[in-house]
C-alpha atoms as a PDB file:
ATOM      1  CA  MET A   1      89.382 111.315  62.785  1.00  0.00           C
ATOM      2  CA  ALA A   2      86.631 109.457  63.172  1.00  0.00           C
ATOM      3  CA  VAL A   3      84.679 108.802  66.995  1.00  0.00           C
ATOM      4  CA  PHE A   4      81.859 106.118  67.194  1.00  0.00           C
ATOM      5  CA  GLN A   5      79.674 106.443  70.193  1.00  0.00           C
ATOM      6  CA  VAL A   6      78.184 102.717  70.361  1.00  0.00           C
ATOM      7  CA  ASN A   7      75.727 100.624  72.395  1.00  0.00           C
ATOM      8  CA  PHE A   8      75.922  97.114  72.689  1.00  0.00           C
ATOM      9  CA  MET A   9      74.652  94.789  74.689  1.00  0.00           C
ATOM     10  CA  ALA A  10      76.655  92.835  76.890  1.00  0.00           C
ATOM     11  CA  GLU A  11      76.837  88.873  78.102  1.00  0.00           C
ATOM     12  CA  THR A  12      78.927  89.662  80.880  1.00  0.00           C
ATOM     13  CA  MET A  13      77.273  92.436  82.713  1.00  0.00           C
ATOM     14  CA  GLY A  14      73.866  92.102  81.570  1.00  0.00           C
ATOM     15  CA  ARG A  15      72.281  94.844  80.256  1.00  0.00           C
ATOM     16  CA  THR A  16      73.566  97.792  77.468  1.00  0.00           C
ATOM     17  CA  VAL A  17      76.541  99.122  77.897  1.00  0.00           C
ATOM     18  CA  PRO A  18      78.060 102.610  76.225  1.00  0.00           C
ATOM     19  CA  LEU A  19      81.780 103.931  74.845  1.00  0.00           C
ATOM     20  CA  TYR A  20      83.912 104.945  72.553  1.00  0.00           C
ATOM     21  CA  VAL A  21      85.586 103.999  69.433  1.00  0.00           C
ATOM     22  CA  ILE A  22      89.000 106.598  68.289  1.00  0.00           C
ATOM     23  CA  LEU A  23      89.444 104.832  64.646  1.00  0.00           C
ATOM     24  CA  PRO A  24      91.658 107.446  62.338  1.00  0.00           C
ATOM     25  CA  THR A  25      90.193 105.137  59.127  1.00  0.00           C
ATOM     26  CA  ASP A  26      88.916 108.467  57.868  1.00  0.00           C
ATOM     27  CA  LYS A  27      91.904 110.449  57.912  1.00  0.00           C
ATOM     28  CA  PHE A  28      93.441 113.335  55.212  1.00  0.00           C
ATOM     29  CA  TYR A  29      96.673 112.572  53.038  1.00  0.00           C
ATOM     30  CA  MET A  30      97.529 115.980  51.426  1.00  0.00           C
ATOM     31  CA  PRO A  31      99.160 115.213  47.870  1.00  0.00           C
ATOM     32  CA  GLY A  32     102.438 113.352  48.444  1.00  0.00           C
ATOM     33  CA  MET A  33     102.023 111.728  52.013  1.00  0.00           C
ATOM     34  CA  PRO A  34     101.957 108.354  52.664  1.00  0.00           C
ATOM     35  CA  LYS A  35      99.415 106.659  52.158  1.00  0.00           C
ATOM     36  CA  ARG A  36      98.493 103.931  55.100  1.00  0.00           C
ATOM     37  CA  GLU A  37      98.686  99.922  53.848  1.00  0.00           C
ATOM     38  CA  GLU A  38      94.598  99.637  51.972  1.00  0.00           C
ATOM     39  CA  GLY A  39      92.898  97.201  54.753  1.00  0.00           C
ATOM     40  CA  LYS A  40      95.617  96.874  57.167  1.00  0.00           C
ATOM     41  CA  PRO A  41      94.039  95.862  61.004  1.00  0.00           C
ATOM     42  CA  TYR A  42      94.437  98.923  63.536  1.00  0.00           C
ATOM     43  CA  LYS A  43      96.256  97.696  66.948  1.00  0.00           C
ATOM     44  CA  THR A  44      93.982  99.089  69.360  1.00  0.00           C
ATOM     45  CA  LEU A  45      94.684 100.671  73.155  1.00  0.00           C
ATOM     46  CA  TYR A  46      91.579  99.738  75.582  1.00  0.00           C
ATOM     47  CA  LEU A  47      91.955 102.924  77.403  1.00  0.00           C
ATOM     48  CA  LEU A  48      90.100 103.022  81.112  1.00  0.00           C
ATOM     49  CA  HIS A  49      89.013 105.843  82.876  1.00  0.00           C
ATOM     50  CA  GLY A  50      89.062 106.128  86.594  1.00  0.00           C
ATOM     51  CA  ILE A  51      86.516 106.336  89.329  1.00  0.00           C
ATOM     52  CA  ILE A  52      83.396 108.184  89.673  1.00  0.00           C
ATOM     53  CA  GLY A  53      84.179 108.886  86.188  1.00  0.00           C
ATOM     54  CA  ASN A  54      83.294 106.584  82.919  1.00  0.00           C
ATOM     55  CA  TYR A  55      83.536 106.239  78.641  1.00  0.00           C
ATOM     56  CA  THR A  56      84.182 110.080  77.910  1.00  0.00           C
ATOM     57  CA  ASP A  57      87.002 111.086  80.275  1.00  0.00           C
ATOM     58  CA  TRP A  58      89.401 110.155  78.071  1.00  0.00           C
ATOM     59  CA  LEU A  59      88.331 111.852  74.742  1.00  0.00           C
ATOM     60  CA  TYR A  60      87.312 115.380  76.640  1.00  0.00           C
ATOM     61  CA  GLY A  61      90.154 115.323  79.260  1.00  0.00           C
ATOM     62  CA  THR A  62      93.583 114.599  77.467  1.00  0.00           C
ATOM     63  CA  SER A  63      94.373 114.774  73.574  1.00  0.00           C
ATOM     64  CA  ILE A  64      93.700 111.355  72.849  1.00  0.00           C
ATOM     65  CA  GLN A  65      92.260 111.613  70.093  1.00  0.00           C
ATOM     66  CA  ARG A  66      94.529 113.904  68.337  1.00  0.00           C
ATOM     67  CA  TRP A  67      97.743 111.136  69.333  1.00  0.00           C
ATOM     68  CA  ALA A  68      96.009 108.076  68.138  1.00  0.00           C
ATOM     69  CA  GLU A  69      95.635 109.574  64.205  1.00  0.00           C
ATOM     70  CA  GLU A  70      98.533 110.443  64.503  1.00  0.00           C
ATOM     71  CA  ARG A  71      99.678 107.288  65.340  1.00  0.00           C
ATOM     72  CA  ASP A  72      97.117 105.007  63.188  1.00  0.00           C
ATOM     73  CA  LEU A  73      95.951 103.467  66.333  1.00  0.00           C
ATOM     74  CA  ALA A  74      92.500 102.698  67.627  1.00  0.00           C
ATOM     75  CA  VAL A  75      91.550 103.607  70.785  1.00  0.00           C
ATOM     76  CA  VAL A  76      88.446 101.606  72.949  1.00  0.00           C
ATOM     77  CA  MET A  77      86.878 103.429  76.262  1.00  0.00           C
ATOM     78  CA  PRO A  78      84.164 101.921  78.296  1.00  0.00           C
ATOM     79  CA  SER A  79      82.641 101.824  80.805  1.00  0.00           C
ATOM     80  CA  GLY A  80      83.383 100.559  84.461  1.00  0.00           C
ATOM     81  CA  ASP A  81      81.324 102.688  86.877  1.00  0.00           C
ATOM     82  CA  ASN A  82      82.938 102.819  89.788  1.00  0.00           C
ATOM     83  CA  SER A  83      84.041  98.865  90.421  1.00  0.00           C
ATOM     84  CA  MET A  84      87.541  98.384  90.166  1.00  0.00           C
ATOM     85  CA  TYR A  85      86.877  96.593  86.902  1.00  0.00           C
ATOM     86  CA  ILE A  86      86.601  93.035  88.382  1.00  0.00           C
ATOM     87  CA  ASP A  87      84.433  90.452  88.692  1.00  0.00           C
ATOM     88  CA  HIS A  88      81.339  91.230  91.173  1.00  0.00           C
ATOM     89  CA  ALA A  89      78.642  89.153  92.362  1.00  0.00           C
ATOM     90  CA  VAL A  90      76.037  90.149  88.973  1.00  0.00           C
ATOM     91  CA  ASP A  91      78.563  92.471  86.970  1.00  0.00           C
ATOM     92  CA  ARG A  92      81.310  90.706  85.548  1.00  0.00           C
ATOM     93  CA  TYR A  93      84.280  93.864  84.662  1.00  0.00           C
ATOM     94  CA  GLY A  94      86.395  92.002  84.142  1.00  0.00           C
ATOM     95  CA  GLU A  95      85.847  89.445  82.219  1.00  0.00           C
ATOM     96  CA  PHE A  96      84.264  91.705  80.138  1.00  0.00           C
ATOM     97  CA  ILE A  97      87.148  93.826  79.993  1.00  0.00           C
ATOM     98  CA  GLY A  98      89.546  91.442  79.149  1.00  0.00           C
ATOM     99  CA  LYS A  99      87.183  88.870  77.003  1.00  0.00           C
ATOM    100  CA  GLU A 100      83.882  90.232  74.945  1.00  0.00           C
ATOM    101  CA  LEU A 101      85.295  94.004  74.765  1.00  0.00           C
ATOM    102  CA  VAL A 102      87.714  92.340  73.078  1.00  0.00           C
ATOM    103  CA  GLU A 103      85.730  90.166  70.953  1.00  0.00           C
ATOM    104  CA  PHE A 104      82.535  92.280  70.351  1.00  0.00           C
ATOM    105  CA  THR A 105      84.831  95.421  68.847  1.00  0.00           C
ATOM    106  CA  ARG A 106      87.148  93.394  66.872  1.00  0.00           C
ATOM    107  CA  LYS A 107      84.235  91.266  64.885  1.00  0.00           C
ATOM    108  CA  THR A 108      82.791  95.379  64.489  1.00  0.00           C
ATOM    109  CA  PHE A 109      85.834  96.877  63.823  1.00  0.00           C
ATOM    110  CA  PRO A 110      88.956  96.674  61.694  1.00  0.00           C
ATOM    111  CA  LEU A 111      90.871  96.022  64.259  1.00  0.00           C
ATOM    112  CA  SER A 112      94.768  93.509  64.734  1.00  0.00           C
ATOM    113  CA  HIS A 113      94.033  90.171  66.633  1.00  0.00           C
ATOM    114  CA  LYS A 114      97.248  89.457  67.485  1.00  0.00           C
ATOM    115  CA  LYS A 115      98.368  90.029  71.052  1.00  0.00           C
ATOM    116  CA  GLU A 116     101.129  91.902  70.337  1.00  0.00           C
ATOM    117  CA  ASP A 117      99.139  95.049  68.683  1.00  0.00           C
ATOM    118  CA  THR A 118      96.647  94.651  71.220  1.00  0.00           C
ATOM    119  CA  TYR A 119      97.074  96.952  74.405  1.00  0.00           C
ATOM    120  CA  ILE A 120      95.229  97.904  77.877  1.00  0.00           C
ATOM    121  CA  GLY A 121      95.494 101.527  79.616  1.00  0.00           C
ATOM    122  CA  GLY A 122      93.685 103.146  82.126  1.00  0.00           C
ATOM    123  CA  LEU A 123      94.092 106.157  84.648  1.00  0.00           C
ATOM    124  CA  SER A 124      93.802 105.771  89.083  1.00  0.00           C
ATOM    125  CA  MET A 125      91.177 103.290  88.928  1.00  0.00           C
ATOM    126  CA  GLY A 126      91.734 102.089  85.679  1.00  0.00           C
ATOM    127  CA  GLY A 127      95.707 101.927  85.633  1.00  0.00           C
ATOM    128  CA  PHE A 128      94.689  98.979  88.862  1.00  0.00           C
ATOM    129  CA  GLY A 129      92.456  97.379  85.788  1.00  0.00           C
ATOM    130  CA  ALA A 130      94.674  97.923  83.704  1.00  0.00           C
ATOM    131  CA  MET A 131      97.598  95.890  85.670  1.00  0.00           C
ATOM    132  CA  ARG A 132      94.727  93.572  87.026  1.00  0.00           C
ATOM    133  CA  ASN A 133      93.483  92.999  83.500  1.00  0.00           C
ATOM    134  CA  GLY A 134      96.188  92.505  81.272  1.00  0.00           C
ATOM    135  CA  LEU A 135      98.053  90.048  83.601  1.00  0.00           C
ATOM    136  CA  LYS A 136      94.781  87.909  84.324  1.00  0.00           C
ATOM    137  CA  TYR A 137      94.594  88.430  79.827  1.00  0.00           C
ATOM    138  CA  SER A 138      97.859  88.570  78.707  1.00  0.00           C
ATOM    139  CA  ASP A 139      97.285  86.013  76.360  1.00  0.00           C
ATOM    140  CA  THR A 140      95.285  88.931  75.244  1.00  0.00           C
ATOM    141  CA  PHE A 141      97.384  91.811  75.504  1.00  0.00           C
ATOM    142  CA  GLY A 142     100.551  92.772  75.011  1.00  0.00           C
ATOM    143  CA  ALA A 143     101.532  95.483  76.282  1.00  0.00           C
ATOM    144  CA  ILE A 144      99.961  97.390  80.023  1.00  0.00           C
ATOM    145  CA  ILE A 145     100.479 101.495  80.946  1.00  0.00           C
ATOM    146  CA  SER A 146      99.338 101.784  84.287  1.00  0.00           C
ATOM    147  CA  LEU A 147      98.796 105.989  84.800  1.00  0.00           C
ATOM    148  CA  SER A 148      98.601 107.117  88.548  1.00  0.00           C
ATOM    149  CA  GLY A 149      97.647 103.205  89.011  1.00  0.00           C
ATOM    150  CA  ALA A 150      94.775 103.093  92.676  1.00  0.00           C
ATOM    151  CA  PHE A 151      97.489 100.040  93.807  1.00  0.00           C
ATOM    152  CA  VAL A 152      94.755 100.047  97.023  1.00  0.00           C
ATOM    153  CA  MET A 153      93.598  96.778  97.341  1.00  0.00           C
ATOM    154  CA  ASP A 154      95.800  95.643 100.147  1.00  0.00           C
ATOM    155  CA  GLU A 155      95.565  94.704 104.138  1.00  0.00           C
ATOM    156  CA  SER A 156      94.474  98.391 104.159  1.00  0.00           C
ATOM    157  CA  ILE A 157      90.735  96.897 102.772  1.00  0.00           C
ATOM    158  CA  LEU A 158      90.039  95.180 105.777  1.00  0.00           C
ATOM    159  CA  GLU A 159      90.275  98.233 107.648  1.00  0.00           C
ATOM    160  CA  VAL A 160      87.509 100.495 109.021  1.00  0.00           C
ATOM    161  CA  VAL A 161      87.646 104.456 108.406  1.00  0.00           C
ATOM    162  CA  GLU A 162      85.909 105.997 110.713  1.00  0.00           C
ATOM    163  CA  ASN A 163      85.226 108.787 109.072  1.00  0.00           C
ATOM    164  CA  PRO A 164      85.363 108.054 105.519  1.00  0.00           C
ATOM    165  CA  ARG A 165      85.766 110.616 102.623  1.00  0.00           C
ATOM    166  CA  PHE A 166      84.489 108.595  99.617  1.00  0.00           C
ATOM    167  CA  PRO A 167      82.284 105.735  99.004  1.00  0.00           C
ATOM    168  CA  SER A 168      85.043 103.586  97.871  1.00  0.00           C
ATOM    169  CA  ASP A 169      86.096 104.011 101.560  1.00  0.00           C
ATOM    170  CA  THR A 170      83.262 101.742 103.305  1.00  0.00           C
ATOM    171  CA  MET A 171      82.921  98.809 104.207  1.00  0.00           C
ATOM    172  CA  GLU A 172      80.372  98.461 101.357  1.00  0.00           C
ATOM    173  CA  TYR A 173      81.609  99.493  98.731  1.00  0.00           C
ATOM    174  CA  ARG A 174      84.488  97.148  99.443  1.00  0.00           C
ATOM    175  CA  HIS A 175      82.172  94.012 100.267  1.00  0.00           C
ATOM    176  CA  ALA A 176      80.279  95.223  97.178  1.00  0.00           C
ATOM    177  CA  VAL A 177      83.491  95.179  94.559  1.00  0.00           C
ATOM    178  CA  TYR A 178      86.906  92.805  96.290  1.00  0.00           C
ATOM    179  CA  GLY A 179      83.345  90.525  97.571  1.00  0.00           C
ATOM    180  CA  GLU A 180      82.067  89.191 101.367  1.00  0.00           C
ATOM    181  CA  ASP A 181      85.254  87.921 102.009  1.00  0.00           C
ATOM    182  CA  LEU A 182      88.085  90.801 101.848  1.00  0.00           C
ATOM    183  CA  GLU A 183      90.953  88.869 103.005  1.00  0.00           C
ATOM    184  CA  ALA A 184      89.988  86.195 100.718  1.00  0.00           C
ATOM    185  CA  SER A 185      89.879  88.627  97.852  1.00  0.00           C
ATOM    186  CA  LEU A 186      93.859  89.028  98.336  1.00  0.00           C
ATOM    187  CA  LYS A 187      94.557  86.809  97.690  1.00  0.00           C
ATOM    188  CA  SER A 188      92.760  86.149  94.566  1.00  0.00           C
ATOM    189  CA  ASP A 189      92.813  87.059  90.694  1.00  0.00           C
ATOM    190  CA  LYS A 190      91.331  90.532  91.916  1.00  0.00           C
ATOM    191  CA  ASN A 191      94.903  91.094  93.014  1.00  0.00           C
ATOM    192  CA  PRO A 192      97.035  92.611  90.473  1.00  0.00           C
ATOM    193  CA  LYS A 193      99.767  91.990  92.855  1.00  0.00           C
ATOM    194  CA  TRP A 194      98.678  88.675  93.505  1.00  0.00           C
ATOM    195  CA  LEU A 195      98.873  87.772  90.238  1.00  0.00           C
ATOM    196  CA  VAL A 196     102.332  89.237  89.748  1.00  0.00           C
ATOM    197  CA  GLU A 197     103.811  86.935  92.856  1.00  0.00           C
ATOM    198  CA  THR A 198     101.048  83.776  90.471  1.00  0.00           C
ATOM    199  CA  MET A 199     102.746  83.920  87.505  1.00  0.00           C
ATOM    200  CA  ALA A 200     106.586  85.273  88.570  1.00  0.00           C
ATOM    201  CA  ALA A 201     106.239  81.428  90.734  1.00  0.00           C
ATOM    202  CA  GLU A 202     104.522  80.153  87.187  1.00  0.00           C
ATOM    203  CA  GLY A 203     106.984  81.528  84.876  1.00  0.00           C
ATOM    204  CA  LYS A 204     104.243  82.536  83.172  1.00  0.00           C
ATOM    205  CA  GLU A 205     105.253  85.325  80.316  1.00  0.00           C
ATOM    206  CA  PHE A 206     104.364  88.919  80.961  1.00  0.00           C
ATOM    207  CA  PRO A 207     103.133  91.581  78.957  1.00  0.00           C
ATOM    208  CA  ASP A 208     104.719  95.304  78.756  1.00  0.00           C
ATOM    209  CA  ILE A 209     104.581  96.827  81.751  1.00  0.00           C
ATOM    210  CA  TYR A 210     104.316 100.894  81.974  1.00  0.00           C
ATOM    211  CA  MET A 211     103.966 103.315  84.782  1.00  0.00           C
ATOM    212  CA  ALA A 212     103.637 106.770  85.464  1.00  0.00           C
ATOM    213  CA  ILE A 213     102.489 108.608  88.405  1.00  0.00           C
ATOM    214  CA  GLY A 214     103.615 111.802  89.494  1.00  0.00           C
ATOM    215  CA  THR A 215     105.469 112.954  92.797  1.00  0.00           C
ATOM    216  CA  SER A 216     102.870 114.516  94.580  1.00  0.00           C
ATOM    217  CA  ASP A 217     100.834 112.825  93.652  1.00  0.00           C
ATOM    218  CA  PHE A 218      98.637 110.543  97.133  1.00  0.00           C
ATOM    219  CA  LEU A 219      99.671 106.982  95.090  1.00  0.00           C
ATOM    220  CA  PHE A 220     103.012 107.446  95.111  1.00  0.00           C
ATOM    221  CA  ASP A 221     104.130 105.260  97.382  1.00  0.00           C
ATOM    222  CA  ARG A 222     102.124 102.589  96.228  1.00  0.00           C
ATOM    223  CA  ASN A 223     103.106 102.687  93.054  1.00  0.00           C
ATOM    224  CA  LYS A 224     107.086 102.689  93.950  1.00  0.00           C
ATOM    225  CA  GLU A 225     105.705 100.025  96.154  1.00  0.00           C
ATOM    226  CA  PHE A 226     104.613  97.693  93.219  1.00  0.00           C
ATOM    227  CA  ASP A 227     107.116  98.878  90.891  1.00  0.00           C
ATOM    228  CA  ALA A 228     109.212  97.415  93.990  1.00  0.00           C
ATOM    229  CA  LEU A 229     107.246  93.512  93.743  1.00  0.00           C
ATOM    230  CA  LEU A 230     107.836  93.652  89.786  1.00  0.00           C
ATOM    231  CA  THR A 231     111.731  94.706  90.132  1.00  0.00           C
ATOM    232  CA  LYS A 232     111.819  91.557  93.060  1.00  0.00           C
ATOM    233  CA  HIS A 233     110.197  89.246  90.831  1.00  0.00           C
ATOM    234  CA  GLY A 234     112.108  90.318  88.223  1.00  0.00           C
ATOM    235  CA  VAL A 235     109.412  91.299  86.074  1.00  0.00           C
ATOM    236  CA  LYS A 236     111.071  93.299  82.960  1.00  0.00           C
ATOM    237  CA  HIS A 237     108.927  96.990  83.331  1.00  0.00           C
ATOM    238  CA  GLU A 238     109.459 100.825  82.358  1.00  0.00           C
ATOM    239  CA  PHE A 239     108.507 102.084  86.104  1.00  0.00           C
ATOM    240  CA  VAL A 240     108.523 106.734  85.219  1.00  0.00           C
ATOM    241  CA  THR A 241     107.895 109.274  88.052  1.00  0.00           C
ATOM    242  CA  GLY A 242     107.358 113.175  87.316  1.00  0.00           C
ATOM    243  CA  PRO A 243     106.200 116.448  88.529  1.00  0.00           C
ATOM    244  CA  GLY A 244     102.672 116.268  89.287  1.00  0.00           C
ATOM    245  CA  ALA A 245      99.280 115.268  90.968  1.00  0.00           C
ATOM    246  CA  HIS A 246      96.129 112.882  90.793  1.00  0.00           C
ATOM    247  CA  GLU A 247      95.412 115.677  87.800  1.00  0.00           C
ATOM    248  CA  TRP A 248      93.682 115.699  84.268  1.00  0.00           C
ATOM    249  CA  ASP A 249      97.813 117.554  83.180  1.00  0.00           C
ATOM    250  CA  PHE A 250      99.901 114.374  83.701  1.00  0.00           C
ATOM    251  CA  TRP A 251      97.891 112.129  82.332  1.00  0.00           C
ATOM    252  CA  ASN A 252      97.661 113.992  79.245  1.00  0.00           C
ATOM    253  CA  THR A 253     101.591 114.605  79.236  1.00  0.00           C
ATOM    254  CA  TYR A 254     102.386 110.491  80.321  1.00  0.00           C
ATOM    255  CA  ILE A 255      99.843 109.121  78.188  1.00  0.00           C
ATOM    256  CA  LYS A 256     101.265 110.934  75.841  1.00  0.00           C
ATOM    257  CA  GLU A 257     105.017 109.689  76.871  1.00  0.00           C
ATOM    258  CA  ALA A 258     103.378 106.060  76.711  1.00  0.00           C
ATOM    259  CA  LEU A 259     101.759 106.005  73.124  1.00  0.00           C
ATOM    260  CA  ASP A 260     105.387 106.855  72.370  1.00  0.00           C
ATOM    261  CA  TRP A 261     106.643 103.685  74.977  1.00  0.00           C
ATOM    262  CA  LEU A 262     104.080 101.861  72.156  1.00  0.00           C
ATOM    263  CA  PRO A 263     105.889 100.334  69.536  1.00  0.00           C
ATOM    264  CA  LEU A 264     103.162 102.300  67.625  1.00  0.00           C
ATOM    265  CA  GLU A 265     103.351 102.953  63.687  1.00  0.00           C
ATOM    266  CA  GLY A 266     105.265 106.220  62.402  1.00  0.00           C
ATOM    267  CA  LYS A 267     103.707 109.057  63.069  1.00  0.00           C
ATOM    268  CA  ASN A 268     102.094 111.294  60.243  1.00  0.00           C
ATOM    269  CA  GLU A 269      99.160 113.099  61.270  1.00  0.00           C
ATOM    270  CA  GLY A 270      97.010 113.355  57.585  1.00  0.00           C
ATOM    271  CA  ARG A 271      95.437 116.796  57.814  1.00  0.00           C
ATOM    272  CA  SER A 272      92.743 118.130  59.874  1.00  0.00           C
ATOM    273  CA  SER A 273      91.141 122.220  61.803  1.00  0.00           C
ATOM    274  CA  GLY A 274      94.114 121.854  63.401  1.00  0.00           C
ATOM    275  CA  ASN A 275      96.257 121.479  60.621  1.00  0.00           C
ATOM    276  CA  VAL A 276      96.218 122.728  57.472  1.00  0.00           C
ATOM    277  CA  GLY A 277      99.043 123.632  55.814  1.00  0.00           C
ATOM    278  CA  LEU A 278     101.142 122.389  53.197  1.00  0.00           C
ATOM    279  CA  GLU A 279     104.912 121.316  54.568  1.00  0.00           C
END
């Protein structure tokens, strides 16, 4: 499995940004194993990390590399800082994720340009970012995966937290990320709930949606509310709950479940140091 560490100048960010790309172009086939059609472009998952994380999280926290190789899936993992993956006054994180990153990686790697082969997913803050950008750029993404989505953009962002435990609880953070007028931001495309309501009212086509949340996760109720919102507007989606909290064990389990849900290639493991025996 080839893993590329990439740095490129992103116009939307005004700086050089890092990312990892998993690309199964070096799959080692034993005699008699079916080989991938030469020159066939790869289906692609753009996978977003959570708050206080970076582009290395998914590679080291889960088995995404092995599962991507099995399924002939390219995986692109950018850094989103603590941005919620939405556009700010200076850094246009949303446009970067939903447009520039896709354009750059398609020019650079053998990726499919088809909507039905292009997916976006993430955990926690990345689950929020995947939902927001998957909906906003629904002409680009055919499916959305949100694991433990941090659907925290609601009336609570207007309330002052007396003793904030995390930087994201402070008003300074909220204004920096959501904008000076927090009330207005709730009724804008920064908010995936607003996007659901607006797209439904306009009769727009939704990407396929997969959501999963642990029953012991502190974001459980917010995910239930988002599930109810999708159901209310008749949006076809899959909502899965299971044992677990806001932790890597849960995400490692359910990213595999999500890949099984996606319309990917048939499972074909190839050979590696962990799989060298003959069938």
